C-alpha atoms as a PDB file:
ATOM      1  CA  MET A   1      34.554  88.346 155.970  1.00  0.00           C
ATOM      2  CA  ASN A   2      33.550  89.481 152.474  1.00  0.00           C
ATOM      3  CA  PRO A   3      29.419  89.181 152.329  1.00  0.00           C
ATOM      4  CA  ASN A   4      30.082  88.002 148.643  1.00  0.00           C
ATOM      5  CA  PHE A   5      31.809  84.587 149.960  1.00  0.00           C
ATOM      6  CA  SER A   6      29.331  83.718 151.990  1.00  0.00           C
ATOM      7  CA  LYS A   7      26.574  83.269 148.780  1.00  0.00           C
ATOM      8  CA  SER A   8      29.569  81.608 147.246  1.00  0.00           C
ATOM      9  CA  GLY A   9      29.015  77.978 147.875  1.00  0.00           C
ATOM     10  CA  SER A  10      32.199  75.059 147.965  1.00  0.00           C
ATOM     11  CA  ILE A  11      32.833  73.265 144.672  1.00  0.00           C
ATOM     12  CA  ALA A  12      31.198  69.957 144.940  1.00  0.00           C
ATOM     13  CA  GLY A  13      32.745  66.551 143.119  1.00  0.00           C
ATOM     14  CA  PRO A  14      36.643  66.595 142.264  1.00  0.00           C
ATOM     15  CA  ILE A  15      38.933  69.801 141.578  1.00  0.00           C
ATOM     16  CA  LYS A  16      42.053  69.057 139.687  1.00  0.00           C
ATOM     17  CA  PHE A  17      45.443  71.075 139.959  1.00  0.00           C
ATOM     18  CA  THR A  18      47.983  70.167 136.940  1.00  0.00           C
ATOM     19  CA  ILE A  19      51.193  71.981 137.467  1.00  0.00           C
ATOM     20  CA  LEU A  20      52.169  73.152 133.585  1.00  0.00           C
ATOM     21  CA  CYS A  21      55.400  75.411 134.125  1.00  0.00           C
ATOM     22  CA  GLU A  22      57.666  75.062 137.345  1.00  0.00           C
ATOM     23  CA  ASN A  23      61.154  75.235 138.080  1.00  0.00           C
ATOM     24  CA  ARG A  24      62.080  71.379 138.174  1.00  0.00           C
ATOM     25  CA  VAL A  25      60.412  68.318 136.245  1.00  0.00           C
ATOM     26  CA  VAL A  26      60.286  64.470 136.482  1.00  0.00           C
ATOM     27  CA  ASN A  27      58.660  63.665 133.374  1.00  0.00           C
ATOM     28  CA  PRO A  28      61.224  63.930 130.527  1.00  0.00           C
ATOM     29  CA  LYS A  29      58.551  64.682 127.965  1.00  0.00           C
ATOM     30  CA  LEU A  30      57.923  67.901 129.960  1.00  0.00           C
ATOM     31  CA  ILE A  31      60.369  71.511 129.862  1.00  0.00           C
ATOM     32  CA  ALA A  32      61.183  72.947 133.436  1.00  0.00           C
ATOM     33  CA  GLU A  33      61.341  76.868 133.680  1.00  0.00           C
ATOM     34  CA  GLN A  34      61.888  79.190 136.320  1.00  0.00           C
ATOM     35  CA  GLY A  35      58.068  79.867 137.148  1.00  0.00           C
ATOM     36  CA  LEU A  36      54.904  79.125 137.614  1.00  0.00           C
ATOM     37  CA  ALA A  37      51.752  78.181 136.055  1.00  0.00           C
ATOM     38  CA  ILE A  38      48.857  76.050 137.470  1.00  0.00           C
ATOM     39  CA  LEU A  39      45.638  74.784 135.860  1.00  0.00           C
ATOM     40  CA  VAL A  40      42.655  74.388 138.091  1.00  0.00           C
ATOM     41  CA  GLU A  41      39.792  72.523 137.111  1.00  0.00           C
ATOM     42  CA  THR A  42      36.718  71.748 138.100  1.00  0.00           C
ATOM     43  CA  LYS A  43      33.537  69.695 136.626  1.00  0.00           C
ATOM     44  CA  ASP A  44      32.004  72.739 134.656  1.00  0.00           C
ATOM     45  CA  ASN A  45      35.488  75.277 134.503  1.00  0.00           C
ATOM     46  CA  ALA A  46      38.931  75.928 134.316  1.00  0.00           C
ATOM     47  CA  VAL A  47      41.319  78.442 135.317  1.00  0.00           C
ATOM     48  CA  LEU A  48      44.900  78.939 134.795  1.00  0.00           C
ATOM     49  CA  PHE A  49      46.828  80.731 137.358  1.00  0.00           C
ATOM     50  CA  ASP A  50      50.202  82.054 136.317  1.00  0.00           C
ATOM     51  CA  THR A  51      51.763  81.308 133.016  1.00  0.00           C
ATOM     52  CA  GLY A  52      55.240  81.068 133.470  1.00  0.00           C
ATOM     53  CA  GLN A  53      58.077  83.094 131.681  1.00  0.00           C
ATOM     54  CA  THR A  54      57.940  81.560 127.722  1.00  0.00           C
ATOM     55  CA  ASP A  55      55.724  79.115 125.783  1.00  0.00           C
ATOM     56  CA  THR A  56      56.611  76.106 128.105  1.00  0.00           C
ATOM     57  CA  VAL A  57      53.043  76.075 129.336  1.00  0.00           C
ATOM     58  CA  LEU A  58      52.050  75.220 125.735  1.00  0.00           C
ATOM     59  CA  HIS A  59      54.474  72.437 125.355  1.00  0.00           C
ATOM     60  CA  ASN A  60      53.546  71.073 128.664  1.00  0.00           C
ATOM     61  CA  ALA A  61      49.989  71.041 128.117  1.00  0.00           C
ATOM     62  CA  GLU A  62      50.389  69.502 124.819  1.00  0.00           C
ATOM     63  CA  GLN A  63      52.540  66.392 126.047  1.00  0.00           C
ATOM     64  CA  LEU A  64      49.918  66.064 128.974  1.00  0.00           C
ATOM     65  CA  GLY A  65      47.309  65.857 126.505  1.00  0.00           C
ATOM     66  CA  ILE A  66      45.369  68.812 127.858  1.00  0.00           C
ATOM     67  CA  ASP A  67      43.407  71.288 125.603  1.00  0.00           C
ATOM     68  CA  LEU A  68      43.744  75.007 127.272  1.00  0.00           C
ATOM     69  CA  SER A  69      40.941  76.108 124.362  1.00  0.00           C
ATOM     70  CA  ARG A  70      38.214  75.281 127.596  1.00  0.00           C
ATOM     71  CA  LEU A  71      39.790  77.504 130.001  1.00  0.00           C
ATOM     72  CA  ASN A  72      37.663  80.331 131.358  1.00  0.00           C
ATOM     73  CA  ALA A  73      40.262  82.611 132.515  1.00  0.00           C
ATOM     74  CA  VAL A  74      43.699  83.368 133.532  1.00  0.00           C
ATOM     75  CA  VAL A  75      44.664  84.990 136.852  1.00  0.00           C
ATOM     76  CA  LEU A  76      48.195  86.437 137.243  1.00  0.00           C
ATOM     77  CA  SER A  77      49.675  86.058 140.783  1.00  0.00           C
ATOM     78  CA  HIS A  78      51.882  89.536 140.349  1.00  0.00           C
ATOM     79  CA  GLY A  79      53.740  91.389 137.332  1.00  0.00           C
ATOM     80  CA  HIS A  80      56.935  89.625 137.649  1.00  0.00           C
ATOM     81  CA  PHE A  81      58.366  88.031 133.896  1.00  0.00           C
ATOM     82  CA  ASP A  82      58.475  84.189 135.048  1.00  0.00           C
ATOM     83  CA  MET A  83      54.748  84.711 135.949  1.00  0.00           C
ATOM     84  CA  THR A  84      53.402  86.554 133.029  1.00  0.00           C
ATOM     85  CA  GLY A  85      55.592  86.224 130.180  1.00  0.00           C
ATOM     86  CA  GLY A  86      53.656  83.074 129.049  1.00  0.00           C
ATOM     87  CA  LEU A  87      50.555  84.706 128.650  1.00  0.00           C
ATOM     88  CA  PHE A  88      51.619  86.315 124.930  1.00  0.00           C
ATOM     89  CA  HIS A  89      51.743  82.744 123.782  1.00  0.00           C
ATOM     90  CA  ILE A  90      48.385  81.475 125.322  1.00  0.00           C
ATOM     91  CA  ILE A  91      46.372  84.239 124.155  1.00  0.00           C
ATOM     92  CA  LYS A  92      47.724  83.816 121.014  1.00  0.00           C
ATOM     93  CA  LYS A  93      46.852  79.980 120.602  1.00  0.00           C
ATOM     94  CA  ILE A  94      43.681  80.268 122.181  1.00  0.00           C
ATOM     95  CA  GLY A  95      41.926  83.553 121.544  1.00  0.00           C
ATOM     96  CA  ASN A  96      39.729  86.164 123.659  1.00  0.00           C
ATOM     97  CA  ARG A  97      39.879  85.383 127.522  1.00  0.00           C
ATOM     98  CA  ARG A  98      39.238  87.306 130.709  1.00  0.00           C
ATOM     99  CA  VAL A  99      42.732  87.660 132.181  1.00  0.00           C
ATOM    100  CA  VAL A 100      42.062  88.793 136.187  1.00  0.00           C
ATOM    101  CA  CYS A 101      44.897  90.749 137.853  1.00  0.00           C
ATOM    102  CA  HIS A 102      45.679  93.985 140.060  1.00  0.00           C
ATOM    103  CA  PRO A 103      45.883  97.286 138.363  1.00  0.00           C
ATOM    104  CA  ASN A 104      49.622  97.353 139.391  1.00  0.00           C
ATOM    105  CA  ILE A 105      50.763  94.563 137.153  1.00  0.00           C
ATOM    106  CA  PHE A 106      52.159  96.988 134.320  1.00  0.00           C
ATOM    107  CA  ASN A 107      53.913  99.303 136.711  1.00  0.00           C
ATOM    108  CA  LYS A 108      57.927  98.879 135.499  1.00  0.00           C
ATOM    109  CA  LYS A 109      59.297  96.753 137.949  1.00  0.00           C
ATOM    110  CA  TYR A 110      63.200  96.059 138.792  1.00  0.00           C
ATOM    111  CA  LYS A 111      65.582  94.521 141.155  1.00  0.00           C
ATOM    112  CA  ILE A 112      68.884  95.339 142.051  1.00  0.00           C
ATOM    113  CA  ILE A 113      71.242  92.477 141.458  1.00  0.00           C
ATOM    114  CA  ASN A 114      74.811  92.864 142.049  1.00  0.00           C
ATOM    115  CA  ARG A 115      74.401  96.550 142.382  1.00  0.00           C
ATOM    116  CA  GLU A 116      72.472  96.643 139.161  1.00  0.00           C
ATOM    117  CA  ARG A 117      69.397  97.831 138.713  1.00  0.00           C
ATOM    118  CA  MET A 118      67.738  94.565 136.003  1.00  0.00           C
ATOM    119  CA  GLU A 119      64.199  94.937 134.651  1.00  0.00           C
ATOM    120  CA  ILE A 120      61.576  92.087 135.847  1.00  0.00           C
ATOM    121  CA  GLY A 121      58.255  93.355 135.157  1.00  0.00           C
ATOM    122  CA  ILE A 122      55.670  91.769 132.380  1.00  0.00           C
ATOM    123  CA  THR A 123      58.027  91.424 129.057  1.00  0.00           C
ATOM    124  CA  TRP A 124      54.711  92.390 126.765  1.00  0.00           C
ATOM    125  CA  GLU A 125      52.989  95.507 126.461  1.00  0.00           C
ATOM    126  CA  ARG A 126      49.257  96.131 127.557  1.00  0.00           C
ATOM    127  CA  THR A 127      48.424  96.865 124.162  1.00  0.00           C
ATOM    128  CA  GLU A 128      50.104  93.973 122.219  1.00  0.00           C
ATOM    129  CA  LEU A 129      48.601  91.568 124.646  1.00  0.00           C
ATOM    130  CA  GLU A 130      44.795  93.073 124.441  1.00  0.00           C
ATOM    131  CA  ASP A 131      45.353  93.041 120.762  1.00  0.00           C
ATOM    132  CA  LEU A 132      45.607  89.112 120.974  1.00  0.00           C
ATOM    133  CA  GLY A 133      42.473  88.860 122.486  1.00  0.00           C
ATOM    134  CA  ALA A 134      43.258  89.606 126.030  1.00  0.00           C
ATOM    135  CA  ASN A 135      40.614  91.161 128.248  1.00  0.00           C
ATOM    136  CA  PHE A 136      41.893  92.777 131.577  1.00  0.00           C
ATOM    137  CA  ILE A 137      39.742  92.826 134.679  1.00  0.00           C
ATOM    138  CA  LEU A 138      41.804  94.706 136.943  1.00  0.00           C
ATOM    139  CA  LYS A 139      40.731  94.393 140.605  1.00  0.00           C
ATOM    140  CA  THR A 140      42.072  95.426 143.922  1.00  0.00           C
ATOM    141  CA  ARG A 141      39.403  93.542 145.878  1.00  0.00           C
ATOM    142  CA  PRO A 142      38.643  89.736 145.760  1.00  0.00           C
ATOM    143  CA  MET A 143      36.590  88.685 142.580  1.00  0.00           C
ATOM    144  CA  GLU A 144      35.166  85.257 141.788  1.00  0.00           C
ATOM    145  CA  VAL A 145      36.559  84.355 138.737  1.00  0.00           C
ATOM    146  CA  VAL A 146      33.931  81.071 138.472  1.00  0.00           C
ATOM    147  CA  PRO A 147      31.707  79.422 140.931  1.00  0.00           C
ATOM    148  CA  GLY A 148      33.912  78.592 143.974  1.00  0.00           C
ATOM    149  CA  VAL A 149      37.509  79.855 142.734  1.00  0.00           C
ATOM    150  CA  TRP A 150      38.506  83.530 144.009  1.00  0.00           C
ATOM    151  CA  THR A 151      41.549  85.860 143.908  1.00  0.00           C
ATOM    152  CA  SER A 152      42.242  87.184 147.526  1.00  0.00           C
ATOM    153  CA  GLY A 153      42.958  90.860 146.329  1.00  0.00           C
ATOM    154  CA  GLU A 154      45.110  92.632 148.157  1.00  0.00           C
ATOM    155  CA  ILE A 155      46.904  90.889 150.691  1.00  0.00           C
ATOM    156  CA  PRO A 156      47.854  92.687 154.081  1.00  0.00           C
ATOM    157  CA  ARG A 157      50.647  92.812 155.127  1.00  0.00           C
ATOM    158  CA  LEU A 158      50.276  91.976 159.481  1.00  0.00           C
ATOM    159  CA  SER A 159      52.893  90.106 160.574  1.00  0.00           C
ATOM    160  CA  GLY A 160      56.483  91.718 161.088  1.00  0.00           C
ATOM    161  CA  TYR A 161      58.623  88.939 159.866  1.00  0.00           C
ATOM    162  CA  GLU A 162      57.049  88.480 156.153  1.00  0.00           C
ATOM    163  CA  TYR A 163      58.498  91.394 154.697  1.00  0.00           C
ATOM    164  CA  ILE A 164      59.457  92.586 151.036  1.00  0.00           C
ATOM    165  CA  ASP A 165      63.035  92.969 150.531  1.00  0.00           C
ATOM    166  CA  GLU A 166      63.900  96.457 149.309  1.00  0.00           C
ATOM    167  CA  THR A 167      66.148  95.433 146.547  1.00  0.00           C
ATOM    168  CA  TYR A 168      62.616  95.292 144.605  1.00  0.00           C
ATOM    169  CA  GLN A 169      61.952  98.845 143.240  1.00  0.00           C
ATOM    170  CA  GLU A 170      59.311 100.287 140.736  1.00  0.00           C
ATOM    171  CA  ARG A 171      59.434 103.301 138.745  1.00  0.00           C
ATOM    172  CA  VAL A 172      57.135 106.134 139.291  1.00  0.00           C
ATOM    173  CA  LEU A 173      57.916 109.120 136.984  1.00  0.00           C
ATOM    174  CA  GLU A 174      61.682 109.229 136.971  1.00  0.00           C
ATOM    175  CA  SER A 175      62.381 108.136 140.131  1.00  0.00           C
ATOM    176  CA  TYR A 176      62.982 104.111 141.699  1.00  0.00           C
ATOM    177  CA  ILE A 177      61.093 103.545 144.598  1.00  0.00           C
ATOM    178  CA  HIS A 178      60.323 100.556 146.799  1.00  0.00           C
ATOM    179  CA  ASP A 179      58.192  98.085 145.402  1.00  0.00           C
ATOM    180  CA  GLU A 180      55.704  96.792 147.925  1.00  0.00           C
ATOM    181  CA  LEU A 181      54.035  94.340 145.338  1.00  0.00           C
ATOM    182  CA  HIS A 182      50.896  95.322 146.280  1.00  0.00           C
ATOM    183  CA  ASP A 183      49.741  93.728 142.977  1.00  0.00           C
ATOM    184  CA  ASP A 184      50.825  90.242 144.537  1.00  0.00           C
ATOM    185  CA  LEU A 185      47.662  88.077 144.946  1.00  0.00           C
ATOM    186  CA  SER A 186      46.479  84.547 145.635  1.00  0.00           C
ATOM    187  CA  LEU A 187      43.969  82.217 144.131  1.00  0.00           C
ATOM    188  CA  ILE A 188      41.318  80.626 146.767  1.00  0.00           C
ATOM    189  CA  VAL A 189      39.270  77.854 146.025  1.00  0.00           C
ATOM    190  CA  LYS A 190      36.595  76.745 148.190  1.00  0.00           C
ATOM    191  CA  SER A 191      36.385  72.682 148.392  1.00  0.00           C
ATOM    192  CA  GLU A 192      34.287  71.182 150.347  1.00  0.00           C
ATOM    193  CA  LYS A 193      37.784  69.925 152.771  1.00  0.00           C
ATOM    194  CA  GLY A 194      38.109  73.545 153.384  1.00  0.00           C
ATOM    195  CA  LEU A 195      40.364  76.068 151.188  1.00  0.00           C
ATOM    196  CA  ILE A 196      43.149  75.644 148.774  1.00  0.00           C
ATOM    197  CA  VAL A 197      45.046  78.344 148.682  1.00  0.00           C
ATOM    198  CA  LEU A 198      47.717  78.812 145.241  1.00  0.00           C
ATOM    199  CA  MET A 199      50.692  81.262 145.471  1.00  0.00           C
ATOM    200  CA  GLY A 200      52.853  82.459 142.697  1.00  0.00           C
ATOM    201  CA  CYS A 201      55.810  83.635 144.800  1.00  0.00           C
ATOM    202  CA  GLY A 202      53.769  84.181 147.696  1.00  0.00           C
ATOM    203  CA  HIS A 203      55.696  88.107 148.020  1.00  0.00           C
ATOM    204  CA  SER A 204      53.082  88.802 150.772  1.00  0.00           C
ATOM    205  CA  GLY A 205      53.984  85.891 152.639  1.00  0.00           C
ATOM    206  CA  PRO A 206      52.493  82.581 153.189  1.00  0.00           C
ATOM    207  CA  VAL A 207      51.413  83.595 156.800  1.00  0.00           C
ATOM    208  CA  ASN A 208      49.579  86.575 155.736  1.00  0.00           C
ATOM    209  CA  THR A 209      47.858  85.054 153.060  1.00  0.00           C
ATOM    210  CA  LEU A 210      46.285  82.205 154.447  1.00  0.00           C
ATOM    211  CA  LYS A 211      45.157  84.542 157.258  1.00  0.00           C
ATOM    212  CA  HIS A 212      43.756  86.925 154.701  1.00  0.00           C
ATOM    213  CA  ALA A 213      42.154  83.851 152.887  1.00  0.00           C
ATOM    214  CA  MET A 214      40.491  82.712 156.199  1.00  0.00           C
ATOM    215  CA  ARG A 215      39.446  86.442 157.432  1.00  0.00           C
ATOM    216  CA  ILE A 216      37.802  87.037 154.209  1.00  0.00           C
ATOM    217  CA  THR A 217      36.284  83.801 153.406  1.00  0.00           C
ATOM    218  CA  GLY A 218      34.843  83.070 157.005  1.00  0.00           C
ATOM    219  CA  MET A 219      36.493  79.757 156.541  1.00  0.00           C
ATOM    220  CA  ASN A 220      39.207  78.248 159.103  1.00  0.00           C
ATOM    221  CA  ARG A 221      40.307  75.072 157.573  1.00  0.00           C
ATOM    222  CA  ILE A 222      43.031  74.957 154.944  1.00  0.00           C
ATOM    223  CA  HIS A 223      43.052  71.909 152.974  1.00  0.00           C
ATOM    224  CA  ALA A 224      46.314  72.912 151.229  1.00  0.00           C
ATOM    225  CA  ILE A 225      48.412  75.646 150.532  1.00  0.00           C
ATOM    226  CA  MET A 226      50.395  75.630 146.887  1.00  0.00           C
ATOM    227  CA  GLY A 227      53.035  77.592 145.149  1.00  0.00           C
ATOM    228  CA  GLY A 228      55.876  79.786 145.732  1.00  0.00           C
ATOM    229  CA  MET A 229      56.592  81.059 149.048  1.00  0.00           C
ATOM    230  CA  HIS A 230      59.678  83.010 148.065  1.00  0.00           C
ATOM    231  CA  LEU A 231      62.347  81.810 150.546  1.00  0.00           C
ATOM    232  CA  HIS A 232      64.823  80.471 148.246  1.00  0.00           C
ATOM    233  CA  GLN A 233      66.889  83.666 149.739  1.00  0.00           C
ATOM    234  CA  ALA A 234      66.000  84.461 153.106  1.00  0.00           C
ATOM    235  CA  PRO A 235      67.778  84.440 156.093  1.00  0.00           C
ATOM    236  CA  ASP A 236      67.430  81.486 158.504  1.00  0.00           C
ATOM    237  CA  ASP A 237      65.860  83.288 160.935  1.00  0.00           C
ATOM    238  CA  LYS A 238      62.928  84.497 158.879  1.00  0.00           C
ATOM    239  CA  ILE A 239      62.292  80.805 157.201  1.00  0.00           C
ATOM    240  CA  PHE A 240      62.181  79.667 160.999  1.00  0.00           C
ATOM    241  CA  MET A 241      59.867  82.321 161.783  1.00  0.00           C
ATOM    242  CA  ILE A 242      57.683  81.715 158.713  1.00  0.00           C
ATOM    243  CA  ILE A 243      57.728  78.107 158.789  1.00  0.00           C
ATOM    244  CA  ASN A 244      56.757  77.880 162.589  1.00  0.00           C
ATOM    245  CA  ASN A 245      53.504  80.327 161.849  1.00  0.00           C
ATOM    246  CA  LEU A 246      52.693  78.358 158.886  1.00  0.00           C
ATOM    247  CA  ILE A 247      52.450  74.816 160.794  1.00  0.00           C
ATOM    248  CA  ALA A 248      50.645  76.387 163.462  1.00  0.00           C
ATOM    249  CA  LEU A 249      47.790  77.541 160.700  1.00  0.00           C
ATOM    250  CA  ASN A 250      47.588  73.664 160.624  1.00  0.00           C
ATOM    251  CA  PRO A 251      47.211  72.887 156.737  1.00  0.00           C
ATOM    252  CA  ASP A 252      46.559  69.656 155.544  1.00  0.00           C
ATOM    253  CA  TYR A 253      48.855  69.786 152.929  1.00  0.00           C
ATOM    254  CA  VAL A 254      51.614  72.212 151.884  1.00  0.00           C
ATOM    255  CA  ILE A 255      52.884  71.770 148.433  1.00  0.00           C
ATOM    256  CA  PRO A 256      55.682  74.021 147.991  1.00  0.00           C
ATOM    257  CA  LEU A 257      57.054  74.932 144.658  1.00  0.00           C
ATOM    258  CA  HIS A 258      59.096  77.232 142.595  1.00  0.00           C
ATOM    259  CA  CYS A 259      60.656  80.208 145.040  1.00  0.00           C
ATOM    260  CA  CYS A 260      60.415  78.162 148.305  1.00  0.00           C
ATOM    261  CA  GLY A 261      63.904  77.126 148.513  1.00  0.00           C
ATOM    262  CA  PHE A 262      65.513  74.012 149.695  1.00  0.00           C
ATOM    263  CA  ARG A 263      66.245  75.359 153.223  1.00  0.00           C
ATOM    264  CA  ALA A 264      62.792  75.839 153.810  1.00  0.00           C
ATOM    265  CA  ILE A 265      61.383  72.543 151.968  1.00  0.00           C
ATOM    266  CA  ASN A 266      63.810  70.780 154.261  1.00  0.00           C
ATOM    267  CA  GLN A 267      62.336  72.415 157.472  1.00  0.00           C
ATOM    268  CA  LEU A 268      58.956  71.505 156.225  1.00  0.00           C
ATOM    269  CA  PHE A 269      59.496  67.982 155.307  1.00  0.00           C
ATOM    270  CA  ASN A 270      61.775  67.005 158.785  1.00  0.00           C
ATOM    271  CA  ARG A 271      58.596  68.646 160.961  1.00  0.00           C
ATOM    272  CA  VAL A 272      55.460  67.730 159.211  1.00  0.00           C
ATOM    273  CA  ARG A 273      56.950  65.440 156.404  1.00  0.00           C
ATOM    274  CA  ASP A 274      53.102  63.781 155.956  1.00  0.00           C
ATOM    275  CA  LYS A 275      51.782  66.786 155.274  1.00  0.00           C
ATOM    276  CA  VAL A 276      54.189  67.852 152.328  1.00  0.00           C
ATOM    277  CA  LEU A 277      53.685  66.982 148.985  1.00  0.00           C
END
């Protein structure tokens, strides 16, 4: 357990989660977009986890009557365009803010699609974002962003079945190597009912992510897991193994979003219907 977690109490009172960007919408006033952005609000603080890929977050926040100027910080789960592209527009709108992320987030990132190497990293230069007022805080270890809300830091890859597809690459000097996505992190909210764990794409794997959250906090109860699990293109055997082990951790609720994929959502719904939101 990280000793700093024991000094940080759980959040008393209500915690509100608002999805400001996601692949699907129901409200006709909102815009759907491949990506994710989740606003976490407590009585005194507000943190935005990921930013989508365009200015969709600003539009949807306005439609929902949400004032983003009260944000304490933005946390980026990893350095792919559909989680980070909206940062430029948000900082341009609200001005100076802390942006918490991993040091590797600005690495040049690619994915092999139909035998072509496509760039999928952040679409903005760091200096552009800093000129607008982004104050980057680069951490490999857990960090308390606001009271009771932590980043996970790097997530150890301990399960043999949650692996990073080798089509993900990064450029180092003049070479392209397998991107293990060490910049992937989660947001951990310490509620009185247990941990609430948010993932962007969950590249580290939802089981690895939850076990890491329990290990570093010393808390064994998972109240909810929310976000992407990157299972939309996974083989059936991998989905089955991950869902089995996820259910074994007994979260109170599972909120699959973004890149979970319909096959994984269908398995979850058929097996733990009362837990899926």
